[in-house]
Amino acid sequence: MKINGPWKIKDSVEKYKNPWLRVREDQVIRPDGKDGIFGVIEMVAGVSVLPLDDEGFIYLTKEFHYAVERDTIEVVSGGIDRNEKELEAARRELKEELGIEADEWIELGTVDPFTTVINSPATMYLAKKLRFAEADPEGTERIHVMKIKLVDALNMVMESKITHGPSCVLILKAFEYLKK
């Protein structure tokens, strides 16, 4: 029997798997001592990047996201490929999605977007000293670039115009970091 905090796992069965996520169902003994089940979604760990240019503008993405059935405004985000380091993934995603390369990278921590049933940590970066080239988005992406001031993005977070969890946290953390 495996112990997970106050939970005891009697058995774990994989219910679904694809290259990006895995769903499992655990037979558990709950913290109150009763038997139960617990479903967990394990997703590929990711990165989120906020590029900031020398004039104080940031670059966000606006694109349709299938799961939420609407356009969302976000920082650059994506999964970490097998055997890839977080910073390598951040560099790759920024280049792919926006055609931007950066000479300065500041790690601003990790965020767990949804801790109750999803395990998918995202490492957050502020990218500075930017160089612009041609984007190379994946076939599933139709990205519109938004160039705005960081304070405007902060207001968009507070007004729930930006709702992607890692984007909200990264914008807030970058704003505080840059005040120092």
N, C-alpha and C. Protein backbone atom coordinates (compact mmCIF):
# COMPACT_ATOMS: atom_id res chain seq x y z
N MET A 1 0.85 -1.18 0.00
CA MET A 1 0.00 0.00 0.00
C MET A 1 0.90 1.24 0.00
N LYS A 2 0.58 2.17 -0.87
CA LYS A 2 1.34 3.41 -0.97
C LYS A 2 0.67 4.49 -0.13
N ILE A 3 1.49 5.30 0.51
CA ILE A 3 0.99 6.41 1.32
C ILE A 3 1.17 7.70 0.53
N ASN A 4 0.12 8.52 0.50
CA ASN A 4 0.16 9.82 -0.18
C ASN A 4 -0.43 10.85 0.79
N GLY A 5 0.44 11.45 1.63
CA GLY A 5 -0.04 12.35 2.67
C GLY A 5 -0.93 11.57 3.62
N PRO A 6 -2.15 12.07 3.91
CA PRO A 6 -3.06 11.34 4.80
C PRO A 6 -3.87 10.26 4.07
N TRP A 7 -3.65 10.07 2.79
CA TRP A 7 -4.36 9.08 1.98
C TRP A 7 -3.53 7.80 1.87
N LYS A 8 -4.22 6.66 1.77
CA LYS A 8 -3.56 5.39 1.50
C LYS A 8 -4.09 4.88 0.16
N ILE A 9 -3.18 4.52 -0.73
CA ILE A 9 -3.57 4.04 -2.06
C ILE A 9 -3.48 2.52 -2.08
N LYS A 10 -4.63 1.87 -2.25
CA LYS A 10 -4.68 0.41 -2.30
C LYS A 10 -4.35 -0.11 -3.70
N ASP A 11 -4.81 0.62 -4.72
CA ASP A 11 -4.60 0.20 -6.10
C ASP A 11 -4.72 1.42 -7.00
N SER A 12 -4.05 1.36 -8.14
CA SER A 12 -4.09 2.46 -9.10
C SER A 12 -4.21 1.86 -10.50
N VAL A 13 -5.21 2.32 -11.26
CA VAL A 13 -5.46 1.79 -12.60
C VAL A 13 -5.46 2.93 -13.61
N GLU A 14 -4.67 2.76 -14.67
CA GLU A 14 -4.67 3.75 -15.74
C GLU A 14 -5.95 3.59 -16.56
N LYS A 15 -6.70 4.68 -16.71
CA LYS A 15 -7.96 4.65 -17.45
C LYS A 15 -7.83 5.19 -18.87
N TYR A 16 -6.87 6.09 -19.08
CA TYR A 16 -6.69 6.70 -20.40
C TYR A 16 -5.29 7.29 -20.48
N LYS A 17 -4.72 7.27 -21.69
CA LYS A 17 -3.39 7.85 -21.87
C LYS A 17 -3.24 8.30 -23.32
N ASN A 18 -2.62 9.47 -23.49
CA ASN A 18 -2.18 9.93 -24.82
C ASN A 18 -0.83 10.62 -24.62
N PRO A 19 -0.22 11.18 -25.65
CA PRO A 19 1.12 11.78 -25.46
C PRO A 19 1.16 12.96 -24.48
N TRP A 20 0.02 13.57 -24.15
CA TRP A 20 0.02 14.77 -23.33
C TRP A 20 -0.52 14.57 -21.92
N LEU A 21 -1.33 13.53 -21.73
CA LEU A 21 -1.90 13.34 -20.40
C LEU A 21 -2.21 11.88 -20.13
N ARG A 22 -2.38 11.61 -18.83
CA ARG A 22 -2.70 10.26 -18.36
C ARG A 22 -3.77 10.41 -17.28
N VAL A 23 -4.81 9.59 -17.35
CA VAL A 23 -5.87 9.61 -16.34
C VAL A 23 -5.80 8.29 -15.59
N ARG A 24 -5.78 8.39 -14.26
CA ARG A 24 -5.76 7.17 -13.46
C ARG A 24 -6.84 7.26 -12.38
N GLU A 25 -7.28 6.09 -11.95
CA GLU A 25 -8.24 6.01 -10.85
C GLU A 25 -7.59 5.21 -9.73
N ASP A 26 -7.53 5.81 -8.57
CA ASP A 26 -6.94 5.16 -7.40
C ASP A 26 -8.04 4.65 -6.47
N GLN A 27 -7.88 3.42 -5.99
CA GLN A 27 -8.71 2.90 -4.90
C GLN A 27 -7.99 3.32 -3.63
N VAL A 28 -8.67 4.08 -2.78
CA VAL A 28 -7.99 4.70 -1.64
C VAL A 28 -8.70 4.42 -0.32
N ILE A 29 -7.94 4.65 0.73
CA ILE A 29 -8.52 4.82 2.05
C ILE A 29 -8.37 6.31 2.34
N ARG A 30 -9.51 6.97 2.49
CA ARG A 30 -9.52 8.42 2.66
C ARG A 30 -8.96 8.82 4.03
N PRO A 31 -8.68 10.11 4.23
CA PRO A 31 -8.18 10.55 5.54
C PRO A 31 -9.12 10.21 6.69
N ASP A 32 -10.44 10.08 6.41
CA ASP A 32 -11.39 9.74 7.48
C ASP A 32 -11.48 8.23 7.73
N GLY A 33 -10.65 7.44 7.00
CA GLY A 33 -10.61 5.99 7.20
C GLY A 33 -11.56 5.20 6.32
N LYS A 34 -12.42 5.87 5.57
CA LYS A 34 -13.37 5.19 4.70
C LYS A 34 -12.74 4.89 3.34
N ASP A 35 -13.23 3.81 2.71
CA ASP A 35 -12.80 3.49 1.35
C ASP A 35 -13.36 4.50 0.37
N GLY A 36 -12.62 4.71 -0.73
CA GLY A 36 -13.09 5.63 -1.75
C GLY A 36 -12.29 5.48 -3.03
N ILE A 37 -12.62 6.33 -3.98
CA ILE A 37 -11.85 6.40 -5.23
C ILE A 37 -11.39 7.84 -5.41
N PHE A 38 -10.32 8.00 -6.16
CA PHE A 38 -9.81 9.33 -6.47
C PHE A 38 -9.27 9.31 -7.89
N GLY A 39 -9.78 10.20 -8.72
CA GLY A 39 -9.30 10.32 -10.10
C GLY A 39 -8.23 11.39 -10.19
N VAL A 40 -7.17 11.09 -10.92
CA VAL A 40 -6.06 12.02 -11.09
C VAL A 40 -5.72 12.15 -12.57
N ILE A 41 -5.53 13.37 -13.01
CA ILE A 41 -5.06 13.64 -14.37
C ILE A 41 -3.61 14.11 -14.26
N GLU A 42 -2.71 13.38 -14.89
CA GLU A 42 -1.30 13.76 -14.91
C GLU A 42 -0.99 14.29 -16.30
N MET A 43 -0.62 15.55 -16.37
CA MET A 43 -0.30 16.17 -17.66
C MET A 43 1.19 16.42 -17.76
N VAL A 44 1.66 16.58 -18.98
CA VAL A 44 3.06 16.93 -19.20
C VAL A 44 3.34 18.24 -18.48
N ALA A 45 4.45 18.32 -17.76
CA ALA A 45 4.84 19.58 -17.12
C ALA A 45 5.05 20.63 -18.20
N GLY A 46 4.87 21.89 -17.83
CA GLY A 46 4.96 22.94 -18.85
C GLY A 46 5.79 24.13 -18.43
N VAL A 47 5.83 25.08 -19.34
CA VAL A 47 6.51 26.35 -19.11
C VAL A 47 5.59 27.47 -19.55
N SER A 48 5.77 28.63 -18.94
CA SER A 48 5.07 29.84 -19.35
C SER A 48 6.11 30.95 -19.41
N VAL A 49 6.03 31.76 -20.48
CA VAL A 49 7.04 32.79 -20.74
C VAL A 49 6.37 34.13 -20.99
N LEU A 50 6.87 35.16 -20.32
CA LEU A 50 6.41 36.53 -20.56
C LEU A 50 7.56 37.32 -21.15
N PRO A 51 7.54 37.60 -22.47
CA PRO A 51 8.60 38.39 -23.09
C PRO A 51 8.37 39.89 -22.87
N LEU A 52 9.42 40.59 -22.45
CA LEU A 52 9.37 42.03 -22.17
C LEU A 52 10.45 42.71 -22.99
N ASP A 53 10.05 43.69 -23.83
CA ASP A 53 11.05 44.37 -24.67
C ASP A 53 11.66 45.57 -23.94
N ASP A 54 12.62 46.22 -24.58
CA ASP A 54 13.36 47.33 -23.97
C ASP A 54 12.50 48.58 -23.77
N GLU A 55 11.34 48.64 -24.43
CA GLU A 55 10.44 49.78 -24.29
C GLU A 55 9.32 49.53 -23.28
N GLY A 56 9.37 48.38 -22.61
CA GLY A 56 8.38 48.07 -21.58
C GLY A 56 7.12 47.40 -22.09
N PHE A 57 7.14 46.93 -23.33
CA PHE A 57 5.99 46.20 -23.86
C PHE A 57 6.17 44.71 -23.64
N ILE A 58 5.05 44.04 -23.42
CA ILE A 58 5.06 42.58 -23.35
C ILE A 58 4.29 42.05 -24.55
N TYR A 59 4.50 40.77 -24.82
CA TYR A 59 3.88 40.12 -25.97
C TYR A 59 3.08 38.92 -25.49
N LEU A 60 1.77 38.97 -25.74
CA LEU A 60 0.86 37.91 -25.34
C LEU A 60 0.28 37.22 -26.57
N THR A 61 -0.29 36.06 -26.36
CA THR A 61 -0.96 35.34 -27.44
C THR A 61 -2.47 35.44 -27.25
N LYS A 62 -3.16 35.51 -28.36
CA LYS A 62 -4.62 35.40 -28.34
C LYS A 62 -4.97 34.33 -29.36
N GLU A 63 -5.63 33.28 -28.87
CA GLU A 63 -6.00 32.20 -29.77
C GLU A 63 -7.18 31.43 -29.22
N PHE A 64 -7.86 30.73 -30.12
CA PHE A 64 -8.98 29.89 -29.74
C PHE A 64 -8.44 28.63 -29.07
N HIS A 65 -9.04 28.29 -27.92
CA HIS A 65 -8.66 27.06 -27.22
C HIS A 65 -9.86 26.12 -27.19
N TYR A 66 -9.64 24.95 -27.73
CA TYR A 66 -10.68 23.95 -27.94
C TYR A 66 -11.44 23.62 -26.65
N ALA A 67 -10.73 23.34 -25.57
CA ALA A 67 -11.38 22.86 -24.34
C ALA A 67 -12.33 23.89 -23.74
N VAL A 68 -11.98 25.17 -23.78
CA VAL A 68 -12.84 26.21 -23.19
C VAL A 68 -13.76 26.85 -24.23
N GLU A 69 -13.61 26.46 -25.48
CA GLU A 69 -14.49 26.87 -26.58
C GLU A 69 -14.55 28.38 -26.79
N ARG A 70 -13.39 29.04 -26.65
CA ARG A 70 -13.35 30.49 -26.86
C ARG A 70 -11.91 30.95 -27.03
N ASP A 71 -11.77 32.19 -27.48
CA ASP A 71 -10.45 32.81 -27.55
C ASP A 71 -9.99 33.14 -26.14
N THR A 72 -8.71 32.94 -25.89
CA THR A 72 -8.12 33.35 -24.62
C THR A 72 -6.86 34.16 -24.88
N ILE A 73 -6.55 35.03 -23.95
CA ILE A 73 -5.32 35.82 -23.99
C ILE A 73 -4.40 35.23 -22.94
N GLU A 74 -3.17 34.91 -23.37
CA GLU A 74 -2.24 34.21 -22.47
C GLU A 74 -0.81 34.63 -22.74
N VAL A 75 0.05 34.29 -21.79
CA VAL A 75 1.49 34.34 -22.04
C VAL A 75 1.82 33.13 -22.91
N VAL A 76 3.00 33.08 -23.45
CA VAL A 76 3.44 31.91 -24.21
C VAL A 76 3.52 30.73 -23.25
N SER A 77 2.90 29.63 -23.62
CA SER A 77 2.90 28.45 -22.75
C SER A 77 2.96 27.18 -23.59
N GLY A 78 3.53 26.15 -23.02
CA GLY A 78 3.58 24.87 -23.71
C GLY A 78 4.20 23.79 -22.85
N GLY A 79 4.11 22.58 -23.34
CA GLY A 79 4.63 21.43 -22.61
C GLY A 79 6.13 21.25 -22.81
N ILE A 80 6.72 20.58 -21.84
CA ILE A 80 8.15 20.26 -21.89
C ILE A 80 8.28 18.90 -22.56
N ASP A 81 9.03 18.85 -23.65
CA ASP A 81 9.25 17.59 -24.36
C ASP A 81 10.12 16.65 -23.54
N ARG A 82 10.02 15.36 -23.85
CA ARG A 82 10.81 14.34 -23.16
C ARG A 82 12.30 14.69 -23.26
N ASN A 83 13.01 14.57 -22.15
CA ASN A 83 14.46 14.85 -22.05
C ASN A 83 14.81 16.32 -22.30
N GLU A 84 13.85 17.20 -22.21
CA GLU A 84 14.09 18.63 -22.41
C GLU A 84 14.08 19.32 -21.05
N LYS A 85 14.98 20.25 -20.84
CA LYS A 85 15.02 21.04 -19.61
C LYS A 85 13.98 22.16 -19.72
N GLU A 86 13.57 22.69 -18.57
CA GLU A 86 12.55 23.74 -18.55
C GLU A 86 12.95 24.94 -19.40
N LEU A 87 14.18 25.44 -19.23
CA LEU A 87 14.61 26.62 -19.97
C LEU A 87 14.67 26.34 -21.48
N GLU A 88 15.08 25.14 -21.85
CA GLU A 88 15.08 24.77 -23.28
C GLU A 88 13.66 24.83 -23.84
N ALA A 89 12.71 24.31 -23.09
CA ALA A 89 11.31 24.33 -23.53
C ALA A 89 10.80 25.77 -23.63
N ALA A 90 11.18 26.61 -22.67
CA ALA A 90 10.75 28.01 -22.69
C ALA A 90 11.29 28.71 -23.94
N ARG A 91 12.56 28.50 -24.24
CA ARG A 91 13.16 29.10 -25.44
C ARG A 91 12.46 28.61 -26.71
N ARG A 92 12.22 27.30 -26.77
CA ARG A 92 11.57 26.71 -27.94
C ARG A 92 10.16 27.26 -28.13
N GLU A 93 9.38 27.30 -27.06
CA GLU A 93 8.00 27.78 -27.14
C GLU A 93 7.94 29.25 -27.57
N LEU A 94 8.81 30.08 -27.01
CA LEU A 94 8.81 31.50 -27.36
C LEU A 94 9.13 31.69 -28.84
N LYS A 95 10.10 30.94 -29.34
CA LYS A 95 10.48 31.03 -30.75
C LYS A 95 9.36 30.51 -31.65
N GLU A 96 8.79 29.35 -31.29
CA GLU A 96 7.72 28.76 -32.10
C GLU A 96 6.49 29.66 -32.16
N GLU A 97 6.01 30.09 -31.00
CA GLU A 97 4.73 30.80 -30.94
C GLU A 97 4.81 32.24 -31.42
N LEU A 98 5.88 32.95 -31.06
CA LEU A 98 5.96 34.37 -31.38
C LEU A 98 7.15 34.75 -32.25
N GLY A 99 8.06 33.82 -32.51
CA GLY A 99 9.24 34.17 -33.29
C GLY A 99 10.20 35.06 -32.53
N ILE A 100 10.21 34.92 -31.21
CA ILE A 100 11.05 35.77 -30.36
C ILE A 100 12.13 34.91 -29.71
N GLU A 101 13.34 35.46 -29.69
CA GLU A 101 14.45 34.87 -28.93
C GLU A 101 14.85 35.90 -27.88
N ALA A 102 15.38 35.43 -26.77
CA ALA A 102 15.76 36.33 -25.68
C ALA A 102 17.15 35.99 -25.17
N ASP A 103 17.89 37.03 -24.78
CA ASP A 103 19.23 36.84 -24.24
C ASP A 103 19.24 36.78 -22.71
N GLU A 104 18.17 37.23 -22.08
CA GLU A 104 18.11 37.22 -20.61
C GLU A 104 16.85 36.49 -20.17
N TRP A 105 17.05 35.53 -19.28
CA TRP A 105 15.95 34.71 -18.78
C TRP A 105 15.94 34.75 -17.26
N ILE A 106 14.81 35.07 -16.68
CA ILE A 106 14.66 35.14 -15.23
C ILE A 106 13.56 34.16 -14.83
N GLU A 107 13.93 33.14 -14.05
CA GLU A 107 12.94 32.18 -13.59
C GLU A 107 12.16 32.79 -12.43
N LEU A 108 10.84 32.77 -12.52
CA LEU A 108 9.99 33.37 -11.50
C LEU A 108 9.19 32.33 -10.71
N GLY A 109 9.65 31.09 -10.73
CA GLY A 109 9.02 30.07 -9.90
C GLY A 109 8.15 29.11 -10.68
N THR A 110 7.40 28.33 -9.92
CA THR A 110 6.53 27.30 -10.49
C THR A 110 5.11 27.52 -9.98
N VAL A 111 4.15 27.17 -10.81
CA VAL A 111 2.74 27.26 -10.42
C VAL A 111 2.07 25.92 -10.72
N ASP A 112 1.18 25.51 -9.84
CA ASP A 112 0.34 24.33 -10.05
C ASP A 112 -1.05 24.85 -10.42
N PRO A 113 -1.42 24.79 -11.70
CA PRO A 113 -2.66 25.43 -12.14
C PRO A 113 -3.94 24.92 -11.48
N PHE A 114 -3.98 23.66 -11.09
CA PHE A 114 -5.22 23.10 -10.54
C PHE A 114 -4.83 21.92 -9.66
N THR A 115 -4.77 22.13 -8.35
CA THR A 115 -4.14 21.15 -7.46
C THR A 115 -5.03 20.00 -6.99
N THR A 116 -6.32 20.06 -7.20
CA THR A 116 -7.17 19.02 -6.62
C THR A 116 -7.12 17.70 -7.37
N VAL A 117 -7.17 17.73 -8.71
CA VAL A 117 -7.16 16.47 -9.46
C VAL A 117 -6.17 16.46 -10.62
N ILE A 118 -5.53 17.59 -10.90
CA ILE A 118 -4.60 17.66 -12.03
C ILE A 118 -3.19 17.94 -11.54
N ASN A 119 -2.24 17.12 -12.00
CA ASN A 119 -0.83 17.34 -11.70
C ASN A 119 -0.17 17.82 -12.99
N SER A 120 0.13 19.13 -13.05
CA SER A 120 0.72 19.71 -14.27
C SER A 120 1.47 20.99 -13.92
N PRO A 121 2.61 20.89 -13.23
CA PRO A 121 3.34 22.10 -12.84
C PRO A 121 3.86 22.87 -14.05
N ALA A 122 3.88 24.18 -13.92
CA ALA A 122 4.41 25.04 -14.99
C ALA A 122 5.49 25.95 -14.40
N THR A 123 6.67 25.94 -15.00
CA THR A 123 7.76 26.83 -14.60
C THR A 123 7.61 28.13 -15.38
N MET A 124 7.74 29.25 -14.67
CA MET A 124 7.47 30.56 -15.26
C MET A 124 8.76 31.35 -15.47
N TYR A 125 8.83 32.03 -16.62
CA TYR A 125 10.01 32.82 -16.97
C TYR A 125 9.62 34.21 -17.47
N LEU A 126 10.44 35.18 -17.11
CA LEU A 126 10.42 36.51 -17.71
C LEU A 126 11.58 36.53 -18.69
N ALA A 127 11.30 36.85 -19.95
CA ALA A 127 12.34 36.89 -20.99
C ALA A 127 12.59 38.34 -21.38
N LYS A 128 13.88 38.73 -21.41
CA LYS A 128 14.25 40.11 -21.74
C LYS A 128 15.36 40.11 -22.80
N LYS A 129 15.68 41.32 -23.27
CA LYS A 129 16.69 41.49 -24.34
C LYS A 129 16.27 40.64 -25.54
N LEU A 130 15.17 41.04 -26.14
CA LEU A 130 14.50 40.26 -27.17
C LEU A 130 15.07 40.51 -28.56
N ARG A 131 15.00 39.47 -29.38
CA ARG A 131 15.29 39.55 -30.82
C ARG A 131 14.10 38.93 -31.53
N PHE A 132 13.70 39.54 -32.63
CA PHE A 132 12.49 39.12 -33.33
C PHE A 132 12.82 38.43 -34.64
N ALA A 133 12.15 37.30 -34.89
CA ALA A 133 12.33 36.52 -36.11
C ALA A 133 10.95 36.04 -36.56
N GLU A 134 10.93 35.00 -37.33
CA GLU A 134 9.67 34.44 -37.84
C GLU A 134 9.16 33.35 -36.90
N ALA A 135 7.87 33.42 -36.56
CA ALA A 135 7.25 32.39 -35.72
C ALA A 135 7.06 31.11 -36.52
N ASP A 136 6.96 29.99 -35.82
CA ASP A 136 6.73 28.70 -36.46
C ASP A 136 5.75 27.90 -35.60
N PRO A 137 4.49 28.36 -35.52
CA PRO A 137 3.53 27.69 -34.65
C PRO A 137 3.19 26.28 -35.13
N GLU A 138 2.71 25.47 -34.18
CA GLU A 138 2.27 24.12 -34.51
C GLU A 138 0.99 24.19 -35.34
N GLY A 139 0.65 23.11 -36.00
CA GLY A 139 -0.54 23.08 -36.85
C GLY A 139 -1.84 23.29 -36.11
N THR A 140 -1.82 23.09 -34.78
CA THR A 140 -3.02 23.29 -33.97
C THR A 140 -3.17 24.73 -33.50
N GLU A 141 -2.18 25.57 -33.78
CA GLU A 141 -2.17 26.94 -33.25
C GLU A 141 -2.45 27.97 -34.34
N ARG A 142 -3.34 28.91 -34.04
CA ARG A 142 -3.60 30.09 -34.86
C ARG A 142 -3.46 31.28 -33.92
N ILE A 143 -2.24 31.77 -33.79
CA ILE A 143 -1.91 32.75 -32.75
C ILE A 143 -1.94 34.17 -33.30
N HIS A 144 -2.61 35.03 -32.56
CA HIS A 144 -2.58 36.47 -32.82
C HIS A 144 -1.72 37.09 -31.72
N VAL A 145 -0.76 37.90 -32.10
CA VAL A 145 0.16 38.51 -31.13
C VAL A 145 -0.44 39.82 -30.61
N MET A 146 -0.37 39.99 -29.29
CA MET A 146 -0.80 41.23 -28.66
C MET A 146 0.41 41.89 -28.02
N LYS A 147 0.68 43.13 -28.38
CA LYS A 147 1.78 43.91 -27.81
C LYS A 147 1.15 44.99 -26.94
N ILE A 148 1.35 44.86 -25.61
CA ILE A 148 0.75 45.80 -24.68
C ILE A 148 1.72 46.09 -23.54
N LYS A 149 1.42 47.10 -22.76
CA LYS A 149 2.20 47.41 -21.56
C LYS A 149 1.85 46.41 -20.45
N LEU A 150 2.83 46.12 -19.61
CA LEU A 150 2.62 45.16 -18.53
C LEU A 150 1.48 45.60 -17.62
N VAL A 151 1.39 46.88 -17.31
CA VAL A 151 0.32 47.36 -16.42
C VAL A 151 -1.05 47.12 -17.04
N ASP A 152 -1.15 47.19 -18.37
CA ASP A 152 -2.42 46.89 -19.03
C ASP A 152 -2.76 45.41 -18.90
N ALA A 153 -1.76 44.55 -19.00
CA ALA A 153 -1.99 43.11 -18.80
C ALA A 153 -2.41 42.84 -17.36
N LEU A 154 -1.79 43.53 -16.42
CA LEU A 154 -2.16 43.39 -15.01
C LEU A 154 -3.64 43.76 -14.82
N ASN A 155 -4.06 44.84 -15.43
CA ASN A 155 -5.47 45.23 -15.36
C ASN A 155 -6.37 44.18 -16.00
N MET A 156 -5.92 43.58 -17.09
CA MET A 156 -6.70 42.53 -17.75
C MET A 156 -6.84 41.30 -16.85
N VAL A 157 -5.81 41.00 -16.07
CA VAL A 157 -5.89 39.91 -15.09
C VAL A 157 -6.95 40.26 -14.05
N MET A 158 -6.88 41.47 -13.51
CA MET A 158 -7.80 41.88 -12.45
C MET A 158 -9.25 41.96 -12.94
N GLU A 159 -9.43 42.22 -14.23
CA GLU A 159 -10.78 42.31 -14.82
C GLU A 159 -11.25 40.96 -15.39
N SER A 160 -10.49 39.91 -15.18
CA SER A 160 -10.78 38.56 -15.70
C SER A 160 -10.87 38.51 -17.22
N LYS A 161 -10.12 39.37 -17.87
CA LYS A 161 -9.99 39.29 -19.33
C LYS A 161 -8.87 38.32 -19.70
N ILE A 162 -7.96 38.10 -18.77
CA ILE A 162 -6.97 37.03 -18.86
C ILE A 162 -7.33 36.05 -17.75
N THR A 163 -7.64 34.81 -18.13
CA THR A 163 -8.12 33.83 -17.15
C THR A 163 -7.24 32.58 -17.03
N HIS A 164 -6.28 32.42 -17.92
CA HIS A 164 -5.37 31.28 -17.88
C HIS A 164 -4.52 31.40 -16.61
N GLY A 165 -4.62 30.41 -15.72
CA GLY A 165 -3.98 30.48 -14.41
C GLY A 165 -2.50 30.83 -14.43
N PRO A 166 -1.66 30.06 -15.15
CA PRO A 166 -0.23 30.40 -15.17
C PRO A 166 0.04 31.80 -15.74
N SER A 167 -0.77 32.24 -16.70
CA SER A 167 -0.59 33.59 -17.25
C SER A 167 -0.85 34.64 -16.18
N CYS A 168 -1.93 34.46 -15.42
CA CYS A 168 -2.26 35.41 -14.36
C CYS A 168 -1.15 35.49 -13.33
N VAL A 169 -0.68 34.33 -12.88
CA VAL A 169 0.37 34.30 -11.86
C VAL A 169 1.65 34.92 -12.40
N LEU A 170 2.04 34.58 -13.63
CA LEU A 170 3.28 35.11 -14.19
C LEU A 170 3.21 36.62 -14.38
N ILE A 171 2.10 37.14 -14.85
CA ILE A 171 1.96 38.59 -15.02
C ILE A 171 2.08 39.29 -13.67
N LEU A 172 1.41 38.76 -12.65
CA LEU A 172 1.50 39.35 -11.31
C LEU A 172 2.92 39.27 -10.75
N LYS A 173 3.57 38.12 -10.91
CA LYS A 173 4.93 37.96 -10.39
C LYS A 173 5.92 38.85 -11.13
N ALA A 174 5.77 38.96 -12.45
CA ALA A 174 6.67 39.82 -13.23
C ALA A 174 6.49 41.28 -12.83
N PHE A 175 5.26 41.69 -12.62
CA PHE A 175 4.98 43.07 -12.20
C PHE A 175 5.68 43.37 -10.88
N GLU A 176 5.56 42.46 -9.92
CA GLU A 176 6.21 42.65 -8.62
C GLU A 176 7.73 42.58 -8.75
N TYR A 177 8.24 41.65 -9.53
CA TYR A 177 9.69 41.51 -9.73
C TYR A 177 10.28 42.80 -10.30
N LEU A 178 9.61 43.37 -11.28
CA LEU A 178 10.14 44.56 -11.96
C LEU A 178 10.02 45.83 -11.12
N LYS A 179 9.22 45.80 -10.06
CA LYS A 179 9.12 46.95 -9.15
C LYS A 179 10.36 47.08 -8.28
N LYS A 180 11.11 45.98 -8.12
CA LYS A 180 12.29 45.97 -7.23
C LYS A 180 13.42 46.78 -7.82
